[in-house]
Amino acid sequence: MAKSKRKNKVASSLGVILDVVTAVDTTFERLTGKSISSWLKEFQQQPRQLPPGEQAAHQQPAMPLADAYAILGLPQTASIEEVKRNYGRLSFIFHPDREGGYNEAMQKLNEAYERVMREKKK
């Protein structure tokens, strides 16, 4: 008798789970027009290359100018020469080819330098 109750309980639990899965599938298909399985197949495919004009639009947004100056350790009134000098000093410290260098810091430093220089050249 105990086995029969357990079997009924498991069957009931599986029925509830299947009802939830069906509800999720139905809702997803109503919202997206695709079944979850077809969406997953598309998602797992290799990404397509965007046309050159669209690639620029999908890149990360530019670093805020205030953040760029902060990374370089300069006020926003700094001259181009000061920007170049601080960039050189910091890149000497953080360059990944140097002992104790730090790749992520160097990437942020490069991004900050490029952002400030674009602004200064306007």
C-alpha atoms as a PDB file:
ATOM      1  CA  MET A   1       0.000   0.000   0.000  1.00  0.00           C
ATOM      2  CA  ALA A   2       2.882   2.436   0.796  1.00  0.00           C
ATOM      3  CA  LYS A   3       4.420   1.850  -2.636  1.00  0.00           C
ATOM      4  CA  SER A   4       1.116   2.657  -4.290  1.00  0.00           C
ATOM      5  CA  LYS A   5       0.823   5.973  -2.387  1.00  0.00           C
ATOM      6  CA  ARG A   6       4.404   6.923  -3.274  1.00  0.00           C
ATOM      7  CA  LYS A   7       3.800   6.016  -6.905  1.00  0.00           C
ATOM      8  CA  ASN A   8       0.644   8.138  -6.992  1.00  0.00           C
ATOM      9  CA  LYS A   9       2.461  11.034  -5.296  1.00  0.00           C
ATOM     10  CA  VAL A  10       5.311  10.881  -7.832  1.00  0.00           C
ATOM     11  CA  ALA A  11       2.854  10.678 -10.717  1.00  0.00           C
ATOM     12  CA  SER A  12       0.950  13.656  -9.300  1.00  0.00           C
ATOM     13  CA  SER A  13       4.176  15.659  -8.911  1.00  0.00           C
ATOM     14  CA  LEU A  14       5.228  14.868 -12.461  1.00  0.00           C
ATOM     15  CA  GLY A  15       1.802  15.948 -13.674  1.00  0.00           C
ATOM     16  CA  VAL A  16       2.202  19.317 -11.934  1.00  0.00           C
ATOM     17  CA  ILE A  17       5.686  19.765 -13.411  1.00  0.00           C
ATOM     18  CA  LEU A  18       4.406  18.950 -16.905  1.00  0.00           C
ATOM     19  CA  ASP A  19       1.576  21.469 -16.462  1.00  0.00           C
ATOM     20  CA  VAL A  20       4.102  24.166 -15.506  1.00  0.00           C
ATOM     21  CA  VAL A  21       6.341  23.313 -18.469  1.00  0.00           C
ATOM     22  CA  THR A  22       3.377  23.488 -20.827  1.00  0.00           C
ATOM     23  CA  ALA A  23       2.297  26.853 -19.383  1.00  0.00           C
ATOM     24  CA  VAL A  24       5.827  28.266 -19.777  1.00  0.00           C
ATOM     25  CA  ASP A  25       6.102  26.973 -23.353  1.00  0.00           C
ATOM     26  CA  THR A  26       2.718  28.397 -24.283  1.00  0.00           C
ATOM     27  CA  THR A  27       3.455  31.785 -22.710  1.00  0.00           C
ATOM     28  CA  PHE A  28       6.895  31.999 -24.358  1.00  0.00           C
ATOM     29  CA  GLU A  29       5.419  31.148 -27.751  1.00  0.00           C
ATOM     30  CA  ARG A  30       2.671  33.759 -27.362  1.00  0.00           C
ATOM     31  CA  LEU A  31       5.225  36.430 -26.437  1.00  0.00           C
ATOM     32  CA  THR A  32       7.917  35.643 -28.998  1.00  0.00           C
ATOM     33  CA  GLY A  33       6.114  33.745 -31.729  1.00  0.00           C
ATOM     34  CA  LYS A  34       8.606  30.886 -31.347  1.00  0.00           C
ATOM     35  CA  SER A  35       8.750  27.755 -29.269  1.00  0.00           C
ATOM     36  CA  ILE A  36      11.485  27.529 -26.660  1.00  0.00           C
ATOM     37  CA  SER A  37      13.142  24.653 -28.498  1.00  0.00           C
ATOM     38  CA  SER A  38      13.343  26.581 -31.799  1.00  0.00           C
ATOM     39  CA  TRP A  39      14.641  29.665 -29.977  1.00  0.00           C
ATOM     40  CA  LEU A  40      17.353  27.560 -28.313  1.00  0.00           C
ATOM     41  CA  LYS A  41      18.376  26.097 -31.679  1.00  0.00           C
ATOM     42  CA  GLU A  42      18.765  29.614 -33.108  1.00  0.00           C
ATOM     43  CA  PHE A  43      20.642  30.746 -30.023  1.00  0.00           C
ATOM     44  CA  GLN A  44      23.136  27.883 -30.288  1.00  0.00           C
ATOM     45  CA  GLN A  45      23.987  28.671 -33.916  1.00  0.00           C
ATOM     46  CA  GLN A  46      27.135  30.598 -34.733  1.00  0.00           C
ATOM     47  CA  PRO A  47      26.611  34.354 -34.499  1.00  0.00           C
ATOM     48  CA  ARG A  48      26.172  36.169 -37.765  1.00  0.00           C
ATOM     49  CA  GLN A  49      28.476  38.983 -38.731  1.00  0.00           C
ATOM     50  CA  LEU A  50      26.811  42.373 -38.592  1.00  0.00           C
ATOM     51  CA  PRO A  51      27.204  44.745 -41.516  1.00  0.00           C
ATOM     52  CA  PRO A  52      29.995  47.293 -40.848  1.00  0.00           C
ATOM     53  CA  GLY A  53      27.580  50.151 -40.142  1.00  0.00           C
ATOM     54  CA  GLU A  54      25.691  48.110 -37.556  1.00  0.00           C
ATOM     55  CA  GLN A  55      28.842  46.865 -35.823  1.00  0.00           C
ATOM     56  CA  ALA A  56      29.677  50.355 -34.595  1.00  0.00           C
ATOM     57  CA  ALA A  57      26.154  50.771 -33.235  1.00  0.00           C
ATOM     58  CA  HIS A  58      26.414  47.558 -31.205  1.00  0.00           C
ATOM     59  CA  GLN A  59      29.755  48.350 -29.567  1.00  0.00           C
ATOM     60  CA  GLN A  60      29.993  49.259 -25.911  1.00  0.00           C
ATOM     61  CA  PRO A  61      29.091  52.853 -25.121  1.00  0.00           C
ATOM     62  CA  ALA A  62      31.970  55.274 -24.789  1.00  0.00           C
ATOM     63  CA  MET A  63      33.540  55.697 -21.376  1.00  0.00           C
ATOM     64  CA  PRO A  64      32.229  58.811 -19.609  1.00  0.00           C
ATOM     65  CA  LEU A  65      34.759  61.628 -19.911  1.00  0.00           C
ATOM     66  CA  ALA A  66      34.906  62.173 -16.150  1.00  0.00           C
ATOM     67  CA  ASP A  67      35.810  58.492 -15.658  1.00  0.00           C
ATOM     68  CA  ALA A  68      38.522  58.713 -18.310  1.00  0.00           C
ATOM     69  CA  TYR A  69      40.159  61.664 -16.557  1.00  0.00           C
ATOM     70  CA  ALA A  70      39.864  59.898 -13.191  1.00  0.00           C
ATOM     71  CA  ILE A  71      41.595  56.791 -14.562  1.00  0.00           C
ATOM     72  CA  LEU A  72      44.405  58.975 -15.884  1.00  0.00           C
ATOM     73  CA  GLY A  73      44.579  60.764 -12.528  1.00  0.00           C
ATOM     74  CA  LEU A  74      44.008  64.191 -14.052  1.00  0.00           C
ATOM     75  CA  PRO A  75      41.537  67.060 -13.759  1.00  0.00           C
ATOM     76  CA  GLN A  76      39.372  67.793 -16.785  1.00  0.00           C
ATOM     77  CA  THR A  77      41.377  70.957 -17.355  1.00  0.00           C
ATOM     78  CA  ALA A  78      44.572  68.993 -18.102  1.00  0.00           C
ATOM     79  CA  SER A  79      46.458  69.788 -21.289  1.00  0.00           C
ATOM     80  CA  ILE A  80      47.240  67.267 -24.017  1.00  0.00           C
ATOM     81  CA  GLU A  81      50.851  67.169 -22.820  1.00  0.00           C
ATOM     82  CA  GLU A  82      49.738  66.310 -19.263  1.00  0.00           C
ATOM     83  CA  VAL A  83      47.442  63.586 -20.599  1.00  0.00           C
ATOM     84  CA  LYS A  84      50.267  62.070 -22.649  1.00  0.00           C
ATOM     85  CA  ARG A  85      52.723  62.305 -19.728  1.00  0.00           C
ATOM     86  CA  ASN A  86      50.355  60.632 -17.228  1.00  0.00           C
ATOM     87  CA  TYR A  87      49.402  57.979 -19.757  1.00  0.00           C
ATOM     88  CA  GLY A  88      53.088  57.187 -20.300  1.00  0.00           C
ATOM     89  CA  ARG A  89      53.773  56.951 -16.571  1.00  0.00           C
ATOM     90  CA  LEU A  90      50.764  54.742 -15.894  1.00  0.00           C
ATOM     91  CA  SER A  91      51.355  52.502 -18.902  1.00  0.00           C
ATOM     92  CA  PHE A  92      54.925  51.996 -17.685  1.00  0.00           C
ATOM     93  CA  ILE A  93      53.493  50.687 -14.401  1.00  0.00           C
ATOM     94  CA  PHE A  94      50.562  48.629 -15.681  1.00  0.00           C
ATOM     95  CA  HIS A  95      51.833  47.250 -18.990  1.00  0.00           C
ATOM     96  CA  PRO A  96      51.249  43.467 -18.962  1.00  0.00           C
ATOM     97  CA  ASP A  97      54.741  42.781 -20.359  1.00  0.00           C
ATOM     98  CA  ARG A  98      56.289  44.222 -17.206  1.00  0.00           C
ATOM     99  CA  GLU A  99      56.622  42.311 -13.966  1.00  0.00           C
ATOM    100  CA  GLY A 100      53.541  43.098 -11.901  1.00  0.00           C
ATOM    101  CA  GLY A 101      51.722  44.378 -14.990  1.00  0.00           C
ATOM    102  CA  TYR A 102      47.979  44.088 -15.138  1.00  0.00           C
ATOM    103  CA  ASN A 103      46.194  43.472 -18.454  1.00  0.00           C
ATOM    104  CA  GLU A 104      42.726  44.723 -17.439  1.00  0.00           C
ATOM    105  CA  ALA A 105      44.164  47.923 -15.969  1.00  0.00           C
ATOM    106  CA  MET A 106      46.119  48.553 -19.159  1.00  0.00           C
ATOM    107  CA  GLN A 107      42.992  48.033 -21.258  1.00  0.00           C
ATOM    108  CA  LYS A 108      41.073  50.572 -19.158  1.00  0.00           C
ATOM    109  CA  LEU A 109      44.015  52.961 -19.307  1.00  0.00           C
ATOM    110  CA  ASN A 110      44.105  52.696 -23.118  1.00  0.00           C
ATOM    111  CA  GLU A 111      40.355  53.231 -23.310  1.00  0.00           C
ATOM    112  CA  ALA A 112      40.591  56.292 -21.049  1.00  0.00           C
ATOM    113  CA  TYR A 113      43.498  57.750 -23.034  1.00  0.00           C
ATOM    114  CA  GLU A 114      41.680  57.268 -26.344  1.00  0.00           C
ATOM    115  CA  ARG A 115      38.506  58.828 -24.927  1.00  0.00           C
ATOM    116  CA  VAL A 116      40.318  61.913 -23.608  1.00  0.00           C
ATOM    117  CA  MET A 117      42.367  62.349 -26.786  1.00  0.00           C
ATOM    118  CA  ARG A 118      39.223  62.154 -28.947  1.00  0.00           C
ATOM    119  CA  GLU A 119      37.682  64.870 -26.811  1.00  0.00           C
ATOM    120  CA  LYS A 120      40.818  67.055 -26.841  1.00  0.00           C
ATOM    121  CA  LYS A 121      41.131  66.868 -30.628  1.00  0.00           C
ATOM    122  CA  LYS A 122      37.587  68.187 -31.191  1.00  0.00           C
END
